[in-house]
Amino acid sequence: MNIHQHKLSCIIALTLACLLANISLYAQTQTSVFAHYNGVNGLAYINGMQQVHEYEYTYYVTKGENIELPLPFEGYSNNDNKLDEPKGYIRWYDYKTDMKATNLSIYDSTNSLLKTVCDADGKDRGLFSWKNKTNSEPHGPNRYTIGVSYTAPADADNEDWAGEDIACDVSRYTDFNAVTVTSEDGTATTDQVFTHEPTLQIRYIFHIRSAKQMAENIIKTTSADLRGKYSDLTIEDNKRIVFGAKDENSNVALKVNYKSNCYFFYPIKTEKNIFMLPTKNT
């Protein structure tokens, strides 16, 4: 073998070694990659997303306000591990953009199982929790393991703020094309990553809207004679909200048949009193 052949052999050997090292490194550092999947029903995408049953809620916020977006699971507000609740896959994201929700944060960073997952282009697609062990069940679901909070931006009180729509995709299924991760010594472990979302079961959509806008709309549409300084205020809204006040000696009775963080109160000023209409948390 002449010197040129020897050099060529060394170059080939070095190249193969680098390729093998890269393959080994990829196996060790492989992470989940998000992609849409139309599920076992094979239905076409709607707005680029998998078709699924949707439940919608509306929350009113003021600028800087922080609220929890609770999921309707049994034992969700406690540190419970309910076996009959979906926990195969959960994803929180911005419903309008199908990307990371900037104003969303993890409810309990100490105990949370939520992780950031990107797509093949490296774009952040939200917060995820999934069954990442082949031989054990994930914890939860509850607010401590998969819960999130939303913080309203500074322009939430502006007249032109369009609000935000936060979605959470939920499923018991794990047909997300799981890939077993190989450890550094080449041994297969029970950790698994995914290459796309699974067949979904439910999509929860939280419509976040401006409390100030809603309050001002209520004031504008309230009859003028009810706002007069000599009026005896009695306001009813579909028999769900009742308010009555005659003078400064009046007793106030308020009945609200809504979730506690889904309504607000708004002050109506008169000559002697401050009365309230639906718009501020209590």
Protein backbone atom coordinates (compact mmCIF):
# COMPACT_ATOMS: atom_id res chain seq x y z
CA MET A 1 0.00 0.00 0.00
CA ASN A 2 1.50 3.34 -1.05
CA ILE A 3 1.27 6.51 0.96
CA HIS A 4 -1.70 7.83 -1.04
CA GLN A 5 -3.71 4.65 -0.48
CA HIS A 6 -2.86 4.77 3.23
CA LYS A 7 -4.11 8.36 3.50
CA LEU A 8 -7.31 7.46 1.65
CA SER A 9 -7.91 4.52 3.98
CA CYS A 10 -7.44 6.77 7.00
CA ILE A 11 -9.89 9.33 5.63
CA ILE A 12 -12.52 6.64 4.96
CA ALA A 13 -12.05 5.16 8.42
CA LEU A 14 -12.33 8.58 10.06
CA THR A 15 -15.47 9.39 8.09
CA LEU A 16 -17.13 6.11 9.09
CA ALA A 17 -16.22 6.74 12.71
CA CYS A 18 -17.85 10.17 12.60
CA LEU A 19 -20.99 8.75 11.00
CA LEU A 20 -21.25 6.04 13.62
CA ALA A 21 -20.72 8.58 16.38
CA ASN A 22 -23.48 10.78 14.95
CA ILE A 23 -25.87 7.82 14.71
CA SER A 24 -25.10 6.87 18.30
CA LEU A 25 -25.55 10.49 19.44
CA TYR A 26 -28.89 10.72 17.62
CA ALA A 27 -30.12 7.59 19.36
CA GLN A 28 -29.15 9.01 22.73
CA THR A 29 -30.58 12.51 22.22
CA GLN A 30 -33.67 11.71 20.15
CA THR A 31 -36.67 13.75 21.26
CA SER A 32 -40.37 13.82 20.49
CA VAL A 33 -41.40 15.61 17.31
CA PHE A 34 -44.90 17.06 16.89
CA ALA A 35 -46.92 16.56 13.71
CA HIS A 36 -50.64 16.42 13.05
CA TYR A 37 -52.31 13.05 12.51
CA ASN A 38 -55.87 12.46 11.32
CA GLY A 39 -56.43 9.60 13.75
CA VAL A 40 -57.85 6.13 13.26
CA ASN A 41 -61.06 7.52 11.77
CA GLY A 42 -59.10 8.88 8.82
CA LEU A 43 -61.19 12.05 8.54
CA ALA A 44 -59.78 15.05 6.71
CA TYR A 45 -58.18 17.85 8.71
CA ILE A 46 -60.23 20.93 9.64
CA ASN A 47 -58.16 24.12 9.72
CA GLY A 48 -55.13 21.86 9.49
CA MET A 49 -56.08 19.98 12.67
CA GLN A 50 -57.47 16.58 13.53
CA GLN A 51 -61.26 16.43 13.80
CA VAL A 52 -62.41 15.82 17.37
CA HIS A 53 -65.25 16.67 19.77
CA GLU A 54 -64.82 20.20 21.12
CA TYR A 55 -65.95 21.79 24.39
CA GLU A 56 -65.75 25.56 24.70
CA TYR A 57 -65.53 27.94 27.69
CA THR A 58 -65.30 31.74 27.95
CA TYR A 59 -63.25 33.58 30.56
CA TYR A 60 -63.12 37.35 31.08
CA VAL A 61 -59.89 38.95 32.28
CA THR A 62 -58.34 42.32 33.01
CA LYS A 63 -54.78 43.26 32.08
CA GLY A 64 -52.14 41.41 34.09
CA GLU A 65 -54.68 39.07 35.67
CA ASN A 66 -53.59 35.45 36.17
CA ILE A 67 -56.20 32.70 36.01
CA GLU A 68 -56.13 28.91 35.94
CA LEU A 69 -57.66 27.10 32.96
CA PRO A 70 -59.11 23.99 34.63
CA LEU A 71 -59.93 20.76 32.85
CA PRO A 72 -63.19 19.00 33.85
CA PHE A 73 -61.51 15.86 35.21
CA GLU A 74 -62.49 14.08 38.40
CA GLY A 75 -60.14 15.06 41.22
CA TYR A 76 -58.46 17.68 39.00
CA SER A 77 -58.13 20.26 41.79
CA ASN A 78 -56.54 17.71 44.11
CA ASN A 79 -53.34 15.71 43.86
CA ASP A 80 -55.26 12.65 42.65
CA ASN A 81 -54.31 9.92 40.18
CA LYS A 82 -57.61 8.91 38.60
CA LEU A 83 -57.25 5.81 36.43
CA ASP A 84 -60.43 6.52 34.46
CA GLU A 85 -59.38 9.97 33.20
CA PRO A 86 -57.49 10.44 29.90
CA LYS A 87 -53.74 10.67 30.36
CA GLY A 88 -52.22 9.08 27.28
CA TYR A 89 -51.59 12.47 25.68
CA ILE A 90 -52.25 16.14 26.53
CA ARG A 91 -51.26 19.25 24.60
CA TRP A 92 -51.79 22.94 25.53
CA TYR A 93 -51.39 25.52 22.72
CA ASP A 94 -52.68 28.66 20.99
CA TYR A 95 -55.75 27.55 19.03
CA LYS A 96 -55.53 30.41 16.51
CA THR A 97 -51.91 29.81 15.54
CA ASP A 98 -51.55 26.08 16.40
CA MET A 99 -48.29 27.08 18.09
CA LYS A 100 -46.99 27.84 21.59
CA ALA A 101 -49.26 30.10 23.65
CA THR A 102 -47.05 32.96 24.78
CA ASN A 103 -49.18 33.94 27.79
CA LEU A 104 -49.55 30.37 29.06
CA SER A 105 -47.44 29.02 31.92
CA ILE A 106 -47.18 25.79 33.93
CA TYR A 107 -49.43 25.79 37.01
CA ASP A 108 -46.98 23.92 39.28
CA SER A 109 -43.43 23.90 37.94
CA THR A 110 -42.25 21.57 40.72
CA ASN A 111 -44.59 18.65 39.98
CA SER A 112 -45.58 19.29 36.38
CA LEU A 113 -45.13 16.63 33.70
CA LEU A 114 -45.57 19.14 30.88
CA LYS A 115 -42.72 19.54 28.40
CA THR A 116 -42.06 21.71 25.37
CA VAL A 117 -42.18 19.82 22.06
CA CYS A 118 -41.21 21.23 18.65
CA ASP A 119 -42.10 20.17 15.13
CA ALA A 120 -39.66 19.01 12.45
CA ASP A 121 -38.85 22.65 11.66
CA GLY A 122 -37.91 23.37 15.27
CA LYS A 123 -41.00 25.50 15.98
CA ASP A 124 -42.42 25.36 19.51
CA ARG A 125 -45.87 23.67 19.39
CA GLY A 126 -46.87 24.07 23.04
CA LEU A 127 -46.80 22.16 26.32
CA PHE A 128 -47.16 18.36 26.21
CA SER A 129 -47.58 15.43 28.56
CA TRP A 130 -47.77 11.84 27.33
CA LYS A 131 -47.23 8.24 28.34
CA ASN A 132 -43.47 8.08 27.95
CA LYS A 133 -42.96 4.69 29.62
CA THR A 134 -43.98 1.42 27.99
CA ASN A 135 -44.39 -0.41 31.30
CA SER A 136 -46.00 2.13 33.62
CA GLU A 137 -48.89 4.58 33.72
CA PRO A 138 -48.33 8.34 33.93
CA HIS A 139 -49.47 10.25 37.00
CA GLY A 140 -52.58 12.38 37.12
CA PRO A 141 -54.17 14.04 35.42
CA ASN A 142 -54.60 16.94 37.82
CA ARG A 143 -53.70 20.62 38.08
CA TYR A 144 -50.30 19.84 39.58
CA THR A 145 -49.16 17.44 36.86
CA ILE A 146 -50.72 18.84 33.67
CA GLY A 147 -52.31 22.16 34.72
CA VAL A 148 -51.63 25.61 33.25
CA SER A 149 -52.26 29.27 34.07
CA TYR A 150 -52.98 32.18 31.75
CA THR A 151 -51.74 35.74 32.31
CA ALA A 152 -53.60 38.48 30.44
CA PRO A 153 -51.35 40.84 28.43
CA ALA A 154 -51.10 44.58 29.06
CA ASP A 155 -53.45 45.38 26.17
CA ALA A 156 -56.27 43.16 27.51
CA ASP A 157 -58.19 46.30 28.57
CA ASN A 158 -57.89 47.95 25.16
CA GLU A 159 -60.96 48.33 22.98
CA ASP A 160 -59.26 46.65 20.03
CA TRP A 161 -57.94 43.59 21.94
CA ALA A 162 -59.27 40.53 20.13
CA GLY A 163 -58.65 38.15 23.02
CA GLU A 164 -57.01 34.75 22.79
CA ASP A 165 -58.14 31.16 22.31
CA ILE A 166 -56.22 28.52 24.26
CA ALA A 167 -56.80 24.85 23.39
CA CYS A 168 -56.03 21.59 25.13
CA ASP A 169 -56.07 18.33 23.14
CA VAL A 170 -56.68 15.25 25.27
CA SER A 171 -56.60 11.52 24.60
CA ARG A 172 -56.40 8.13 26.24
CA TYR A 173 -54.83 6.73 23.09
CA THR A 174 -51.10 6.35 22.50
CA ASP A 175 -51.02 5.59 18.77
CA PHE A 176 -48.47 8.37 18.33
CA ASN A 177 -45.93 6.10 16.64
CA ALA A 178 -43.79 5.82 19.74
CA VAL A 179 -40.05 5.26 19.33
CA THR A 180 -38.03 3.45 22.00
CA VAL A 181 -34.97 5.42 23.08
CA THR A 182 -31.60 3.66 23.17
CA SER A 183 -29.32 4.34 26.10
CA GLU A 184 -25.63 5.24 25.80
CA ASP A 185 -24.47 1.62 26.16
CA GLY A 186 -26.87 0.50 23.42
CA THR A 187 -29.49 -0.98 25.74
CA ALA A 188 -33.12 -0.29 24.87
CA THR A 189 -35.01 1.45 27.68
CA THR A 190 -38.71 1.87 28.39
CA ASP A 191 -38.57 5.60 27.63
CA GLN A 192 -40.39 6.47 24.43
CA VAL A 193 -40.76 9.55 22.26
CA PHE A 194 -43.39 10.23 19.59
CA THR A 195 -43.37 11.34 15.98
CA HIS A 196 -46.93 12.70 15.74
CA GLU A 197 -50.04 13.27 17.86
CA PRO A 198 -52.30 10.25 18.61
CA THR A 199 -55.99 9.78 17.86
CA LEU A 200 -57.58 12.56 19.89
CA GLN A 201 -60.71 12.27 22.05
CA ILE A 202 -61.56 15.80 23.18
CA ARG A 203 -60.42 19.33 22.48
CA TYR A 204 -61.12 21.91 25.18
CA ILE A 205 -61.11 25.52 23.93
CA PHE A 206 -60.84 28.43 26.37
CA HIS A 207 -61.93 31.74 24.84
CA ILE A 208 -60.17 34.53 26.75
CA ARG A 209 -61.91 37.89 26.39
CA SER A 210 -61.70 41.39 27.86
CA ALA A 211 -63.74 41.96 31.05
CA LYS A 212 -63.52 45.72 30.56
CA GLN A 213 -65.01 45.48 27.06
CA MET A 214 -67.82 43.26 28.30
CA ALA A 215 -68.55 45.54 31.27
CA GLU A 216 -68.76 48.64 29.11
CA ASN A 217 -71.07 46.86 26.70
CA ILE A 218 -73.37 45.97 29.59
CA ILE A 219 -73.46 49.58 30.74
CA LYS A 220 -74.21 50.84 27.23
CA THR A 221 -77.08 48.40 26.79
CA THR A 222 -78.61 48.91 30.26
CA SER A 223 -81.76 51.02 30.20
CA ALA A 224 -81.04 54.64 31.14
CA ASP A 225 -83.83 54.77 33.70
CA LEU A 226 -82.16 51.95 35.63
CA ARG A 227 -79.06 54.09 35.98
CA GLY A 228 -80.83 57.21 37.22
CA LYS A 229 -79.93 58.52 40.65
CA TYR A 230 -83.51 58.11 41.95
CA SER A 231 -84.17 54.66 40.51
CA ASP A 232 -84.83 51.49 42.49
CA LEU A 233 -82.35 49.16 40.84
CA THR A 234 -83.52 45.62 40.22
CA ILE A 235 -81.64 43.77 37.52
CA GLU A 236 -82.24 40.22 36.31
CA ASP A 237 -80.40 38.33 33.60
CA ASN A 238 -82.21 35.16 32.53
CA LYS A 239 -82.95 34.48 36.23
CA ARG A 240 -79.28 33.72 36.78
CA ILE A 241 -78.08 37.07 38.10
CA VAL A 242 -80.33 39.05 40.48
CA PHE A 243 -79.50 42.38 42.09
CA GLY A 244 -81.73 44.80 43.99
CA ALA A 245 -81.01 48.05 45.86
CA LYS A 246 -83.47 50.75 46.98
CA ASP A 247 -81.34 53.14 49.04
CA GLU A 248 -78.31 53.31 51.36
CA ASN A 249 -80.16 51.13 53.90
CA SER A 250 -80.85 48.35 51.42
CA ASN A 251 -79.71 44.78 51.77
CA VAL A 252 -78.08 43.19 48.76
CA ALA A 253 -78.79 39.66 47.56
CA LEU A 254 -76.71 38.25 44.73
CA LYS A 255 -77.26 34.88 43.09
CA VAL A 256 -74.88 33.70 40.40
CA ASN A 257 -75.20 30.32 38.74
CA TYR A 258 -71.83 30.39 37.00
CA LYS A 259 -68.34 29.11 37.69
CA SER A 260 -66.72 31.49 40.15
CA ASN A 261 -64.02 32.65 37.73
CA CYS A 262 -66.32 33.07 34.72
CA TYR A 263 -68.08 36.29 35.76
CA PHE A 264 -67.26 39.81 36.91
CA PHE A 265 -68.90 42.73 38.68
CA TYR A 266 -68.82 46.29 37.41
CA PRO A 267 -69.60 49.41 39.49
CA ILE A 268 -72.51 51.70 38.60
CA LYS A 269 -72.12 55.00 40.41
CA THR A 270 -75.17 56.91 41.67
CA GLU A 271 -75.42 59.98 43.88
CA LYS A 272 -75.03 58.07 47.16
CA ASN A 273 -74.18 54.49 46.33
CA ILE A 274 -72.07 52.29 44.14
CA PHE A 275 -74.07 49.46 42.59
CA MET A 276 -72.76 46.44 40.73
CA LEU A 277 -73.41 44.71 37.42
CA PRO A 278 -71.88 41.41 36.23
CA THR A 279 -68.15 41.82 35.42
CA LYS A 280 -65.58 41.30 38.26
CA ASN A 281 -64.51 38.15 40.09
CA THR A 282 -65.93 37.57 43.56
